Amino acid sequence: MSGGSLVLDTSVAIDILGGDERAAALVQGAIVYVSVITRVELLSVAKPRTHSPEAAKAFLADCKLVQFSDEVQDLTIRLRKTYKLKLPDAAIAATAAWLNARLITADEAFTKIGKDVSVLIYER
């Protein structure tokens, strides 16, 4: 996929940090956004298997970070209630909805939100 705006779910960010070239190709040439939730998830793992904290920080520096604004919180609440999503998943989906950007994820839980958010499920 080239061009356009994308929001990365943590699952795909981890794949990219782990050296998955197919996942990295998905974001080539795109404006890549990450939710503050993804930042927290990437940097809070005590012993990450796929990446160092330094690699995660460098990766995040190349992305546009989206804070948990009131608007994103309101969308998170609506998506969580409507689709019974876990809070982090709802917040990441809400980030994509707020930006009107495509969400890229390897998490099948996002398949049910296709009416509200453009989702690309990355098959590992």
PDB file of N, CA and C in Angstrom:
ATOM      1  N   MET A   1       0.861  -1.160   0.000  1.00  0.00           N
ATOM      2  CA  MET A   1       0.000   0.000   0.000  1.00  0.00           C
ATOM      3  C   MET A   1       0.912   1.229   0.000  1.00  0.00           C
ATOM      4  N   SER A   2       0.675   2.150  -0.865  1.00  0.00           N
ATOM      5  CA  SER A   2       1.508   3.342  -0.838  1.00  0.00           C
ATOM      6  C   SER A   2       0.616   4.571  -0.798  1.00  0.00           C
ATOM      7  N   GLY A   3       1.114   5.599  -0.132  1.00  0.00           N
ATOM      8  CA  GLY A   3       0.354   6.830  -0.001  1.00  0.00           C
ATOM      9  C   GLY A   3      -0.777   6.690   0.998  1.00  0.00           C
ATOM     10  N   GLY A   4      -1.424   7.813   1.276  1.00  0.00           N
ATOM     11  CA  GLY A   4      -2.551   7.801   2.187  1.00  0.00           C
ATOM     12  C   GLY A   4      -2.134   7.807   3.641  1.00  0.00           C
ATOM     13  N   SER A   5      -3.140   7.758   4.504  1.00  0.00           N
ATOM     14  CA  SER A   5      -2.920   7.767   5.945  1.00  0.00           C
ATOM     15  C   SER A   5      -3.333   6.436   6.538  1.00  0.00           C
ATOM     16  N   LEU A   6      -2.504   5.931   7.416  1.00  0.00           N
ATOM     17  CA  LEU A   6      -2.744   4.650   8.065  1.00  0.00           C
ATOM     18  C   LEU A   6      -2.580   4.784   9.565  1.00  0.00           C
ATOM     19  N   VAL A   7      -3.356   4.008  10.292  1.00  0.00           N
ATOM     20  CA  VAL A   7      -3.155   3.865  11.727  1.00  0.00           C
ATOM     21  C   VAL A   7      -2.724   2.429  11.962  1.00  0.00           C
ATOM     22  N   LEU A   8      -1.619   2.263  12.667  1.00  0.00           N
ATOM     23  CA  LEU A   8      -1.110   0.929  12.961  1.00  0.00           C
ATOM     24  C   LEU A   8      -1.610   0.450  14.303  1.00  0.00           C
ATOM     25  N   ASP A   9      -2.161  -0.736  14.303  1.00  0.00           N
ATOM     26  CA  ASP A   9      -2.450  -1.411  15.553  1.00  0.00           C
ATOM     27  C   ASP A   9      -1.119  -1.901  16.116  1.00  0.00           C
ATOM     28  N   THR A  10      -1.064  -2.111  17.388  1.00  0.00           N
ATOM     29  CA  THR A  10       0.163  -2.567  18.042  1.00  0.00           C
ATOM     30  C   THR A  10       0.669  -3.870  17.442  1.00  0.00           C
ATOM     31  N   SER A  11      -0.239  -4.755  17.060  1.00  0.00           N
ATOM     32  CA  SER A  11       0.167  -6.054  16.506  1.00  0.00           C
ATOM     33  C   SER A  11       1.040  -5.891  15.264  1.00  0.00           C
ATOM     34  N   VAL A  12       0.691  -4.975  14.390  1.00  0.00           N
ATOM     35  CA  VAL A  12       1.464  -4.765  13.165  1.00  0.00           C
ATOM     36  C   VAL A  12       2.751  -4.007  13.469  1.00  0.00           C
ATOM     37  N   ALA A  13       2.698  -3.069  14.394  1.00  0.00           N
ATOM     38  CA  ALA A  13       3.922  -2.365  14.791  1.00  0.00           C
ATOM     39  C   ALA A  13       4.947  -3.356  15.334  1.00  0.00           C
ATOM     40  N   ILE A  14       4.500  -4.315  16.120  1.00  0.00           N
ATOM     41  CA  ILE A  14       5.397  -5.342  16.659  1.00  0.00           C
ATOM     42  C   ILE A  14       5.975  -6.192  15.529  1.00  0.00           C
ATOM     43  N   ASP A  15       5.136  -6.535  14.550  1.00  0.00           N
ATOM     44  CA  ASP A  15       5.629  -7.307  13.406  1.00  0.00           C
ATOM     45  C   ASP A  15       6.703  -6.537  12.652  1.00  0.00           C
ATOM     46  N   ILE A  16       6.475  -5.255  12.424  1.00  0.00           N
ATOM     47  CA  ILE A  16       7.455  -4.432  11.716  1.00  0.00           C
ATOM     48  C   ILE A  16       8.751  -4.360  12.513  1.00  0.00           C
ATOM     49  N   LEU A  17       8.644  -4.126  13.812  1.00  0.00           N
ATOM     50  CA  LEU A  17       9.837  -4.073  14.662  1.00  0.00           C
ATOM     51  C   LEU A  17      10.573  -5.403  14.692  1.00  0.00           C
ATOM     52  N   GLY A  18       9.838  -6.484  14.494  1.00  0.00           N
ATOM     53  CA  GLY A  18      10.442  -7.811  14.476  1.00  0.00           C
ATOM     54  C   GLY A  18      11.072  -8.170  13.140  1.00  0.00           C
ATOM     55  N   GLY A  19      11.014  -7.252  12.176  1.00  0.00           N
ATOM     56  CA  GLY A  19      11.663  -7.485  10.892  1.00  0.00           C
ATOM     57  C   GLY A  19      10.776  -8.055   9.806  1.00  0.00           C
ATOM     58  N   ASP A  20       9.469  -8.059  10.003  1.00  0.00           N
ATOM     59  CA  ASP A  20       8.544  -8.583   9.001  1.00  0.00           C
ATOM     60  C   ASP A  20       8.496  -7.624   7.806  1.00  0.00           C
ATOM     61  N   GLU A  21       9.096  -8.030   6.704  1.00  0.00           N
ATOM     62  CA  GLU A  21       9.181  -7.171   5.527  1.00  0.00           C
ATOM     63  C   GLU A  21       7.828  -6.951   4.855  1.00  0.00           C
ATOM     64  N   ARG A  22       6.958  -7.966   4.896  1.00  0.00           N
ATOM     65  CA  ARG A  22       5.615  -7.802   4.316  1.00  0.00           C
ATOM     66  C   ARG A  22       4.831  -6.736   5.083  1.00  0.00           C
ATOM     67  N   ALA A  23       4.939  -6.764   6.403  1.00  0.00           N
ATOM     68  CA  ALA A  23       4.244  -5.758   7.219  1.00  0.00           C
ATOM     69  C   ALA A  23       4.831  -4.377   6.949  1.00  0.00           C
ATOM     70  N   ALA A  24       6.139  -4.290   6.857  1.00  0.00           N
ATOM     71  CA  ALA A  24       6.787  -3.009   6.590  1.00  0.00           C
ATOM     72  C   ALA A  24       6.375  -2.448   5.229  1.00  0.00           C
ATOM     73  N   ALA A  25       6.186  -3.329   4.252  1.00  0.00           N
ATOM     74  CA  ALA A  25       5.780  -2.888   2.916  1.00  0.00           C
ATOM     75  C   ALA A  25       4.391  -2.246   2.927  1.00  0.00           C
ATOM     76  N   LEU A  26       3.541  -2.650   3.856  1.00  0.00           N
ATOM     77  CA  LEU A  26       2.194  -2.084   3.945  1.00  0.00           C
ATOM     78  C   LEU A  26       2.210  -0.589   4.242  1.00  0.00           C
ATOM     79  N   VAL A  27       3.226  -0.130   4.941  1.00  0.00           N
ATOM     80  CA  VAL A  27       3.264   1.273   5.354  1.00  0.00           C
ATOM     81  C   VAL A  27       4.180   2.126   4.475  1.00  0.00           C
ATOM     82  N   GLN A  28       4.827   1.501   3.514  1.00  0.00           N
ATOM     83  CA  GLN A  28       5.751   2.220   2.637  1.00  0.00           C
ATOM     84  C   GLN A  28       5.033   3.366   1.929  1.00  0.00           C
ATOM     85  N   GLY A  29       5.562   4.554   2.048  1.00  0.00           N
ATOM     86  CA  GLY A  29       5.012   5.714   1.362  1.00  0.00           C
ATOM     87  C   GLY A  29       3.770   6.310   1.995  1.00  0.00           C
ATOM     88  N   ALA A  30       3.329   5.780   3.108  1.00  0.00           N
ATOM     89  CA  ALA A  30       2.113   6.271   3.767  1.00  0.00           C
ATOM     90  C   ALA A  30       2.469   7.196   4.926  1.00  0.00           C
ATOM     91  N   ILE A  31       1.512   8.004   5.303  1.00  0.00           N
ATOM     92  CA  ILE A  31       1.622   8.759   6.548  1.00  0.00           C
ATOM     93  C   ILE A  31       1.132   7.812   7.629  1.00  0.00           C
ATOM     94  N   VAL A  32       2.018   7.471   8.557  1.00  0.00           N
ATOM     95  CA  VAL A  32       1.708   6.454   9.562  1.00  0.00           C
ATOM     96  C   VAL A  32       1.433   7.107  10.909  1.00  0.00           C
ATOM     97  N   TYR A  33       0.260   6.820  11.435  1.00  0.00           N
ATOM     98  CA  TYR A  33      -0.149   7.305  12.737  1.00  0.00           C
ATOM     99  C   TYR A  33      -0.177   6.137  13.717  1.00  0.00           C
ATOM    100  N   VAL A  34       0.111   6.442  14.960  1.00  0.00           N
ATOM    101  CA  VAL A  34      -0.087   5.466  16.026  1.00  0.00           C
ATOM    102  C   VAL A  34      -0.807   6.170  17.173  1.00  0.00           C
ATOM    103  N   SER A  35      -1.672   5.423  17.805  1.00  0.00           N
ATOM    104  CA  SER A  35      -2.365   5.909  18.986  1.00  0.00           C
ATOM    105  C   SER A  35      -1.376   5.963  20.151  1.00  0.00           C
ATOM    106  N   VAL A  36      -1.637   6.828  21.074  1.00  0.00           N
ATOM    107  CA  VAL A  36      -0.841   6.862  22.296  1.00  0.00           C
ATOM    108  C   VAL A  36      -0.911   5.496  22.990  1.00  0.00           C
ATOM    109  N   ILE A  37      -1.984   4.768  22.783  1.00  0.00           N
ATOM    110  CA  ILE A  37      -2.126   3.420  23.356  1.00  0.00           C
ATOM    111  C   ILE A  37      -1.053   2.490  22.792  1.00  0.00           C
ATOM    112  N   THR A  38      -0.823   2.542  21.489  1.00  0.00           N
ATOM    113  CA  THR A  38       0.215   1.714  20.872  1.00  0.00           C
ATOM    114  C   THR A  38       1.585   2.102  21.415  1.00  0.00           C
ATOM    115  N   ARG A  39       1.820   3.384  21.582  1.00  0.00           N
ATOM    116  CA  ARG A  39       3.097   3.822  22.158  1.00  0.00           C
ATOM    117  C   ARG A  39       3.297   3.204  23.538  1.00  0.00           C
ATOM    118  N   VAL A  40       2.272   3.291  24.365  1.00  0.00           N
ATOM    119  CA  VAL A  40       2.354   2.730  25.720  1.00  0.00           C
ATOM    120  C   VAL A  40       2.580   1.220  25.662  1.00  0.00           C
ATOM    121  N   GLU A  41       1.851   0.539  24.784  1.00  0.00           N
ATOM    122  CA  GLU A  41       1.999  -0.913  24.686  1.00  0.00           C
ATOM    123  C   GLU A  41       3.411  -1.295  24.229  1.00  0.00           C
ATOM    124  N   LEU A  42       3.952  -0.587  23.246  1.00  0.00           N
ATOM    125  CA  LEU A  42       5.294  -0.912  22.745  1.00  0.00           C
ATOM    126  C   LEU A  42       6.386  -0.657  23.777  1.00  0.00           C
ATOM    127  N   LEU A  43       6.218   0.391  24.565  1.00  0.00           N
ATOM    128  CA  LEU A  43       7.278   0.787  25.496  1.00  0.00           C
ATOM    129  C   LEU A  43       7.123   0.208  26.900  1.00  0.00           C
ATOM    130  N   SER A  44       5.997  -0.453  27.176  1.00  0.00           N
ATOM    131  CA  SER A  44       5.789  -0.939  28.538  1.00  0.00           C
ATOM    132  C   SER A  44       6.038  -2.436  28.708  1.00  0.00           C
ATOM    133  N   VAL A  45       6.361  -3.115  27.636  1.00  0.00           N
ATOM    134  CA  VAL A  45       6.654  -4.547  27.739  1.00  0.00           C
ATOM    135  C   VAL A  45       7.979  -4.714  28.477  1.00  0.00           C
ATOM    136  N   ALA A  46       7.972  -5.486  29.562  1.00  0.00           N
ATOM    137  CA  ALA A  46       9.178  -5.641  30.385  1.00  0.00           C
ATOM    138  C   ALA A  46      10.336  -6.261  29.602  1.00  0.00           C
ATOM    139  N   LYS A  47      10.056  -7.338  28.880  1.00  0.00           N
ATOM    140  CA  LYS A  47      11.093  -8.010  28.088  1.00  0.00           C
ATOM    141  C   LYS A  47      10.535  -8.322  26.703  1.00  0.00           C
ATOM    142  N   PRO A  48      10.530  -7.318  25.814  1.00  0.00           N
ATOM    143  CA  PRO A  48       9.964  -7.561  24.484  1.00  0.00           C
ATOM    144  C   PRO A  48      10.769  -8.613  23.726  1.00  0.00           C
ATOM    145  N   ARG A  49      10.050  -9.500  23.030  1.00  0.00           N
ATOM    146  CA  ARG A  49      10.710 -10.572  22.278  1.00  0.00           C
ATOM    147  C   ARG A  49      11.190 -10.118  20.908  1.00  0.00           C
ATOM    148  N   THR A  50      10.553  -9.095  20.345  1.00  0.00           N
ATOM    149  CA  THR A  50      10.854  -8.740  18.959  1.00  0.00           C
ATOM    150  C   THR A  50      11.662  -7.463  18.784  1.00  0.00           C
ATOM    151  N   HIS A  51      11.796  -6.671  19.845  1.00  0.00           N
ATOM    152  CA  HIS A  51      12.441  -5.369  19.655  1.00  0.00           C
ATOM    153  C   HIS A  51      12.992  -4.836  20.978  1.00  0.00           C
ATOM    154  N   SER A  52      13.957  -3.972  20.841  1.00  0.00           N
ATOM    155  CA  SER A  52      14.495  -3.295  22.021  1.00  0.00           C
ATOM    156  C   SER A  52      13.691  -2.016  22.264  1.00  0.00           C
ATOM    157  N   PRO A  53      13.738  -1.492  23.463  1.00  0.00           N
ATOM    158  CA  PRO A  53      13.065  -0.206  23.712  1.00  0.00           C
ATOM    159  C   PRO A  53      13.602   0.900  22.803  1.00  0.00           C
ATOM    160  N   GLU A  54      14.889   0.850  22.500  1.00  0.00           N
ATOM    161  CA  GLU A  54      15.483   1.858  21.618  1.00  0.00           C
ATOM    162  C   GLU A  54      14.908   1.751  20.213  1.00  0.00           C
ATOM    163  N   ALA A  55      14.743   0.509  19.720  1.00  0.00           N
ATOM    164  CA  ALA A  55      14.161   0.304  18.394  1.00  0.00           C
ATOM    165  C   ALA A  55      12.715   0.801  18.364  1.00  0.00           C
ATOM    166  N   ALA A  56      11.979   0.545  19.431  1.00  0.00           N
ATOM    167  CA  ALA A  56      10.586   1.014  19.508  1.00  0.00           C
ATOM    168  C   ALA A  56      10.542   2.536  19.496  1.00  0.00           C
ATOM    169  N   LYS A  57      11.427   3.184  20.241  1.00  0.00           N
ATOM    170  CA  LYS A  57      11.455   4.650  20.273  1.00  0.00           C
ATOM    171  C   LYS A  57      11.806   5.216  18.900  1.00  0.00           C
ATOM    172  N   ALA A  58      12.763   4.606  18.211  1.00  0.00           N
ATOM    173  CA  ALA A  58      13.149   5.065  16.872  1.00  0.00           C
ATOM    174  C   ALA A  58      11.984   4.887  15.894  1.00  0.00           C
ATOM    175  N   PHE A  59      11.296   3.751  15.982  1.00  0.00           N
ATOM    176  CA  PHE A  59      10.143   3.497  15.126  1.00  0.00           C
ATOM    177  C   PHE A  59       9.058   4.540  15.383  1.00  0.00           C
ATOM    178  N   LEU A  60       8.757   4.780  16.646  1.00  0.00           N
ATOM    179  CA  LEU A  60       7.713   5.738  17.000  1.00  0.00           C
ATOM    180  C   LEU A  60       8.066   7.156  16.561  1.00  0.00           C
ATOM    181  N   ALA A  61       9.353   7.480  16.537  1.00  0.00           N
ATOM    182  CA  ALA A  61       9.778   8.809  16.096  1.00  0.00           C
ATOM    183  C   ALA A  61       9.444   9.048  14.623  1.00  0.00           C
ATOM    184  N   ASP A  62       9.319   7.959  13.854  1.00  0.00           N
ATOM    185  CA  ASP A  62       8.973   8.069  12.441  1.00  0.00           C
ATOM    186  C   ASP A  62       7.462   8.095  12.198  1.00  0.00           C
ATOM    187  N   CYS A  63       6.687   7.935  13.255  1.00  0.00           N
ATOM    188  CA  CYS A  63       5.223   7.928  13.151  1.00  0.00           C
ATOM    189  C   CYS A  63       4.665   9.216  13.740  1.00  0.00           C
ATOM    190  N   LYS A  64       3.438   9.507  13.389  1.00  0.00           N
ATOM    191  CA  LYS A  64       2.733  10.642  13.986  1.00  0.00           C
ATOM    192  C   LYS A  64       1.909  10.101  15.155  1.00  0.00           C
ATOM    193  N   LEU A  65       2.154  10.645  16.324  1.00  0.00           N
ATOM    194  CA  LEU A  65       1.488  10.192  17.535  1.00  0.00           C
ATOM    195  C   LEU A  65       0.171  10.936  17.725  1.00  0.00           C
ATOM    196  N   VAL A  66      -0.892  10.185  17.967  1.00  0.00           N
ATOM    197  CA  VAL A  66      -2.210  10.777  18.190  1.00  0.00           C
ATOM    198  C   VAL A  66      -2.563  10.611  19.661  1.00  0.00           C
ATOM    199  N   GLN A  67      -2.769  11.733  20.310  1.00  0.00           N
ATOM    200  CA  GLN A  67      -3.106  11.728  21.729  1.00  0.00           C
ATOM    201  C   GLN A  67      -4.555  11.299  21.953  1.00  0.00           C
ATOM    202  N   PHE A  68      -4.888  11.025  23.182  1.00  0.00           N
ATOM    203  CA  PHE A  68      -6.217  10.558  23.567  1.00  0.00           C
ATOM    204  C   PHE A  68      -7.099  11.768  23.886  1.00  0.00           C
ATOM    205  N   SER A  69      -7.439  12.521  22.846  1.00  0.00           N
ATOM    206  CA  SER A  69      -8.223  13.750  22.996  1.00  0.00           C
ATOM    207  C   SER A  69      -9.665  13.421  23.406  1.00  0.00           C
ATOM    208  N   ASP A  70     -10.406  14.452  23.752  1.00  0.00           N
ATOM    209  CA  ASP A  70     -11.817  14.268  24.108  1.00  0.00           C
ATOM    210  C   ASP A  70     -12.595  13.624  22.961  1.00  0.00           C
ATOM    211  N   GLU A  71     -12.307  14.063  21.731  1.00  0.00           N
ATOM    212  CA  GLU A  71     -13.007  13.506  20.572  1.00  0.00           C
ATOM    213  C   GLU A  71     -12.708  12.025  20.400  1.00  0.00           C
ATOM    214  N   VAL A  72     -11.432  11.641  20.555  1.00  0.00           N
ATOM    215  CA  VAL A  72     -11.054  10.228  20.433  1.00  0.00           C
ATOM    216  C   VAL A  72     -11.651   9.432  21.587  1.00  0.00           C
ATOM    217  N   GLN A  73     -11.700  10.015  22.765  1.00  0.00           N
ATOM    218  CA  GLN A  73     -12.320   9.331  23.903  1.00  0.00           C
ATOM    219  C   GLN A  73     -13.801   9.059  23.638  1.00  0.00           C
ATOM    220  N   ASP A  74     -14.513  10.047  23.100  1.00  0.00           N
ATOM    221  CA  ASP A  74     -15.931   9.863  22.807  1.00  0.00           C
ATOM    222  C   ASP A  74     -16.145   8.757  21.772  1.00  0.00           C
ATOM    223  N   LEU A  75     -15.318   8.740  20.746  1.00  0.00           N
ATOM    224  CA  LEU A  75     -15.403   7.672  19.749  1.00  0.00           C
ATOM    225  C   LEU A  75     -15.058   6.319  20.368  1.00  0.00           C
ATOM    226  N   THR A  76     -14.071   6.301  21.259  1.00  0.00           N
ATOM    227  CA  THR A  76     -13.690   5.066  21.947  1.00  0.00           C
ATOM    228  C   THR A  76     -14.876   4.506  22.726  1.00  0.00           C
ATOM    229  N   ILE A  77     -15.562   5.363  23.436  1.00  0.00           N
ATOM    230  CA  ILE A  77     -16.725   4.946  24.223  1.00  0.00           C
ATOM    231  C   ILE A  77     -17.790   4.342  23.309  1.00  0.00           C
ATOM    232  N   ARG A  78     -18.072   5.020  22.199  1.00  0.00           N
ATOM    233  CA  ARG A  78     -19.100   4.531  21.278  1.00  0.00           C
ATOM    234  C   ARG A  78     -18.705   3.190  20.667  1.00  0.00           C
ATOM    235  N   LEU A  79     -17.462   3.072  20.197  1.00  0.00           N
ATOM    236  CA  LEU A  79     -17.017   1.814  19.585  1.00  0.00           C
ATOM    237  C   LEU A  79     -16.964   0.679  20.598  1.00  0.00           C
ATOM    238  N   ARG A  80     -16.539   0.999  21.812  1.00  0.00           N
ATOM    239  CA  ARG A  80     -16.465  -0.037  22.845  1.00  0.00           C
ATOM    240  C   ARG A  80     -17.850  -0.565  23.190  1.00  0.00           C
ATOM    241  N   LYS A  81     -18.808   0.345  23.326  1.00  0.00           N
ATOM    242  CA  LYS A  81     -20.175  -0.060  23.641  1.00  0.00           C
ATOM    243  C   LYS A  81     -20.812  -0.830  22.480  1.00  0.00           C
ATOM    244  N   THR A  82     -20.622  -0.321  21.282  1.00  0.00           N
ATOM    245  CA  THR A  82     -21.262  -0.919  20.106  1.00  0.00           C
ATOM    246  C   THR A  82     -20.725  -2.298  19.790  1.00  0.00           C
ATOM    247  N   TYR A  83     -19.389  -2.446  19.857  1.00  0.00           N
ATOM    248  CA  TYR A  83     -18.758  -3.690  19.391  1.00  0.00           C
ATOM    249  C   TYR A  83     -18.158  -4.539  20.496  1.00  0.00           C
ATOM    250  N   LYS A  84     -18.320  -4.109  21.747  1.00  0.00           N
ATOM    251  CA  LYS A  84     -17.801  -4.878  22.890  1.00  0.00           C
ATOM    252  C   LYS A  84     -16.294  -5.134  22.763  1.00  0.00           C
ATOM    253  N   LEU A  85     -15.564  -4.102  22.339  1.00  0.00           N
ATOM    254  CA  LEU A  85     -14.116  -4.208  22.184  1.00  0.00           C
ATOM    255  C   LEU A  85     -13.410  -4.005  23.511  1.00  0.00           C
ATOM    256  N   LYS A  86     -12.213  -4.549  23.624  1.00  0.00           N
ATOM    257  CA  LYS A  86     -11.354  -4.233  24.765  1.00  0.00           C
ATOM    258  C   LYS A  86     -11.011  -2.751  24.660  1.00  0.00           C
ATOM    259  N   LEU A  87     -10.761  -2.131  25.788  1.00  0.00           N
ATOM    260  CA  LEU A  87     -10.489  -0.693  25.812  1.00  0.00           C
ATOM    261  C   LEU A  87      -9.334  -0.291  24.890  1.00  0.00           C
ATOM    262  N   PRO A  88      -8.169  -0.961  24.933  1.00  0.00           N
ATOM    263  CA  PRO A  88      -7.093  -0.540  24.023  1.00  0.00           C
ATOM    264  C   PRO A  88      -7.489  -0.664  22.543  1.00  0.00           C
ATOM    265  N   ASP A  89      -8.193  -1.739  22.192  1.00  0.00           N
ATOM    266  CA  ASP A  89      -8.627  -1.914  20.806  1.00  0.00           C
ATOM    267  C   ASP A  89      -9.606  -0.821  20.396  1.00  0.00           C
ATOM    268  N   ALA A  90     -10.526  -0.499  21.267  1.00  0.00           N
ATOM    269  CA  ALA A  90     -11.496   0.559  20.968  1.00  0.00           C
ATOM    270  C   ALA A  90     -10.795   1.904  20.787  1.00  0.00           C
ATOM    271  N   ALA A  91      -9.792   2.186  21.605  1.00  0.00           N
ATOM    272  CA  ALA A  91      -9.066   3.455  21.501  1.00  0.00           C
ATOM    273  C   ALA A  91      -8.280   3.537  20.194  1.00  0.00           C
ATOM    274  N   ILE A  92      -7.664   2.440  19.790  1.00  0.00           N
ATOM    275  CA  ILE A  92      -6.906   2.433  18.538  1.00  0.00           C
ATOM    276  C   ILE A  92      -7.854   2.563  17.352  1.00  0.00           C
ATOM    277  N   ALA A  93      -8.974   1.855  17.386  1.00  0.00           N
ATOM    278  CA  ALA A  93      -9.972   1.974  16.321  1.00  0.00           C
ATOM    279  C   ALA A  93     -10.540   3.390  16.265  1.00  0.00           C
ATOM    280  N   ALA A  94     -10.788   3.981  17.410  1.00  0.00           N
ATOM    281  CA  ALA A  94     -11.308   5.344  17.461  1.00  0.00           C
ATOM    282  C   ALA A  94     -10.310   6.334  16.869  1.00  0.00           C
ATOM    283  N   THR A  95      -9.036   6.084  17.072  1.00  0.00           N
ATOM    284  CA  THR A  95      -8.001   6.937  16.484  1.00  0.00           C
ATOM    285  C   THR A  95      -8.116   6.912  14.965  1.00  0.00           C
ATOM    286  N   ALA A  96      -8.275   5.723  14.402  1.00  0.00           N
ATOM    287  CA  ALA A  96      -8.428   5.599  12.949  1.00  0.00           C
ATOM    288  C   ALA A  96      -9.709   6.286  12.478  1.00  0.00           C
ATOM    289  N   ALA A  97     -10.789   6.088  13.211  1.00  0.00           N
ATOM    290  CA  ALA A  97     -12.064   6.713  12.833  1.00  0.00           C
ATOM    291  C   ALA A  97     -11.946   8.229  12.868  1.00  0.00           C
ATOM    292  N   TRP A  98     -11.324   8.758  13.907  1.00  0.00           N
ATOM    293  CA  TRP A  98     -11.182  10.212  14.059  1.00  0.00           C
ATOM    294  C   TRP A  98     -10.354  10.805  12.930  1.00  0.00           C
ATOM    295  N   LEU A  99      -9.318  10.078  12.501  1.00  0.00           N
ATOM    296  CA  LEU A  99      -8.457  10.551  11.412  1.00  0.00           C
ATOM    297  C   LEU A  99      -9.030  10.242  10.033  1.00  0.00           C
ATOM    298  N   ASN A 100     -10.097   9.440   9.991  1.00  0.00           N
ATOM    299  CA  ASN A 100     -10.630   8.939   8.729  1.00  0.00           C
ATOM    300  C   ASN A 100      -9.521   8.232   7.946  1.00  0.00           C
ATOM    301  N   ALA A 101      -8.775   7.400   8.654  1.00  0.00           N
ATOM    302  CA  ALA A 101      -7.651   6.666   8.089  1.00  0.00           C
ATOM    303  C   ALA A 101      -7.918   5.172   8.196  1.00  0.00           C
ATOM    304  N   ARG A 102      -7.213   4.416   7.401  1.00  0.00           N
ATOM    305  CA  ARG A 102      -7.350   2.953   7.431  1.00  0.00           C
ATOM    306  C   ARG A 102      -6.553   2.396   8.597  1.00  0.00           C
ATOM    307  N   LEU A 103      -7.156   1.464   9.307  1.00  0.00           N
ATOM    308  CA  LEU A 103      -6.502   0.768  10.414  1.00  0.00           C
ATOM    309  C   LEU A 103      -5.901  -0.529   9.885  1.00  0.00           C
ATOM    310  N   ILE A 104      -4.633  -0.748  10.154  1.00  0.00           N
ATOM    311  CA  ILE A 104      -3.977  -1.998   9.778  1.00  0.00           C
ATOM    312  C   ILE A 104      -3.701  -2.776  11.048  1.00  0.00           C
ATOM    313  N   THR A 105      -4.179  -4.022  11.072  1.00  0.00           N
ATOM    314  CA  THR A 105      -4.054  -4.851  12.260  1.00  0.00           C
ATOM    315  C   THR A 105      -3.928  -6.320  11.882  1.00  0.00           C
ATOM    316  N   ALA A 106      -3.365  -7.093  12.770  1.00  0.00           N
ATOM    317  CA  ALA A 106      -3.351  -8.552  12.621  1.00  0.00           C
ATOM    318  C   ALA A 106      -4.376  -9.181  13.563  1.00  0.00           C
ATOM    319  N   ASP A 107      -5.111  -8.367  14.263  1.00  0.00           N
ATOM    320  CA  ASP A 107      -6.069  -8.816  15.272  1.00  0.00           C
ATOM    321  C   ASP A 107      -7.460  -8.972  14.661  1.00  0.00           C
ATOM    322  N   GLU A 108      -7.929 -10.199  14.601  1.00  0.00           N
ATOM    323  CA  GLU A 108      -9.232 -10.505  14.008  1.00  0.00           C
ATOM    324  C   GLU A 108     -10.395  -9.837  14.743  1.00  0.00           C
ATOM    325  N   ALA A 109     -10.188  -9.396  15.971  1.00  0.00           N
ATOM    326  CA  ALA A 109     -11.261  -8.741  16.725  1.00  0.00           C
ATOM    327  C   ALA A 109     -11.767  -7.485  16.018  1.00  0.00           C
ATOM    328  N   PHE A 110     -10.942  -6.912  15.154  1.00  0.00           N
ATOM    329  CA  PHE A 110     -11.325  -5.678  14.463  1.00  0.00           C
ATOM    330  C   PHE A 110     -12.223  -5.916  13.250  1.00  0.00           C
ATOM    331  N   THR A 111     -12.423  -7.163  12.846  1.00  0.00           N
ATOM    332  CA  THR A 111     -13.242  -7.420  11.657  1.00  0.00           C
ATOM    333  C   THR A 111     -14.669  -6.934  11.821  1.00  0.00           C
ATOM    334  N   LYS A 112     -15.159  -6.911  13.039  1.00  0.00           N
ATOM    335  CA  LYS A 112     -16.559  -6.538  13.272  1.00  0.00           C
ATOM    336  C   LYS A 112     -16.826  -5.040  13.217  1.00  0.00           C
ATOM    337  N   ILE A 113     -15.793  -4.202  13.113  1.00  0.00           N
ATOM    338  CA  ILE A 113     -16.014  -2.750  13.131  1.00  0.00           C
ATOM    339  C   ILE A 113     -15.984  -2.125  11.744  1.00  0.00           C
ATOM    340  N   GLY A 114     -16.005  -2.945  10.711  1.00  0.00           N
ATOM    341  CA  GLY A 114     -15.875  -2.472   9.335  1.00  0.00           C
ATOM    342  C   GLY A 114     -16.884  -1.435   8.892  1.00  0.00           C
ATOM    343  N   LYS A 115     -18.020  -1.333   9.567  1.00  0.00           N
ATOM    344  CA  LYS A 115     -19.001  -0.305   9.212  1.00  0.00           C
ATOM    345  C   LYS A 115     -18.551   1.088   9.661  1.00  0.00           C
ATOM    346  N   ASP A 116     -17.753   1.135  10.715  1.00  0.00           N
ATOM    347  CA  ASP A 116     -17.345   2.422  11.279  1.00  0.00           C
ATOM    348  C   ASP A 116     -15.904   2.814  10.965  1.00  0.00           C
ATOM    349  N   VAL A 117     -15.082   1.833  10.671  1.00  0.00           N
ATOM    350  CA  VAL A 117     -13.647   2.080  10.460  1.00  0.00           C
ATOM    351  C   VAL A 117     -13.186   1.217   9.295  1.00  0.00           C
ATOM    352  N   SER A 118     -12.408   1.811   8.403  1.00  0.00           N
ATOM    353  CA  SER A 118     -11.801   1.040   7.321  1.00  0.00           C
ATOM    354  C   SER A 118     -10.667   0.207   7.923  1.00  0.00           C
ATOM    355  N   VAL A 119     -10.771  -1.117   7.805  1.00  0.00           N
ATOM    356  CA  VAL A 119      -9.819  -2.016   8.453  1.00  0.00           C
ATOM    357  C   VAL A 119      -9.195  -2.926   7.410  1.00  0.00           C
ATOM    358  N   LEU A 120      -7.881  -3.069   7.488  1.00  0.00           N
ATOM    359  CA  LEU A 120      -7.155  -4.055   6.701  1.00  0.00           C
ATOM    360  C   LEU A 120      -6.575  -5.059   7.684  1.00  0.00           C
ATOM    361  N   ILE A 121      -7.016  -6.315   7.586  1.00  0.00           N
ATOM    362  CA  ILE A 121      -6.489  -7.370   8.456  1.00  0.00           C
ATOM    363  C   ILE A 121      -5.238  -7.919   7.800  1.00  0.00           C
ATOM    364  N   TYR A 122      -4.124  -7.795   8.484  1.00  0.00           N
ATOM    365  CA  TYR A 122      -2.850  -8.294   8.003  1.00  0.00           C
ATOM    366  C   TYR A 122      -2.731  -9.755   8.413  1.00  0.00           C
ATOM    367  N   GLU A 123      -2.623 -10.613   7.414  1.00  0.00           N
ATOM    368  CA  GLU A 123      -2.494 -12.042   7.699  1.00  0.00           C
ATOM    369  C   GLU A 123      -1.027 -12.407   7.784  1.00  0.00           C
ATOM    370  N   ARG A 124      -0.662 -12.911   8.930  1.00  0.00           N
ATOM    371  CA  ARG A 124       0.739 -13.269   9.170  1.00  0.00           C
ATOM    372  C   ARG A 124       1.112 -14.535   8.441  1.00  0.00           C
TER     373      ARG A 124
END
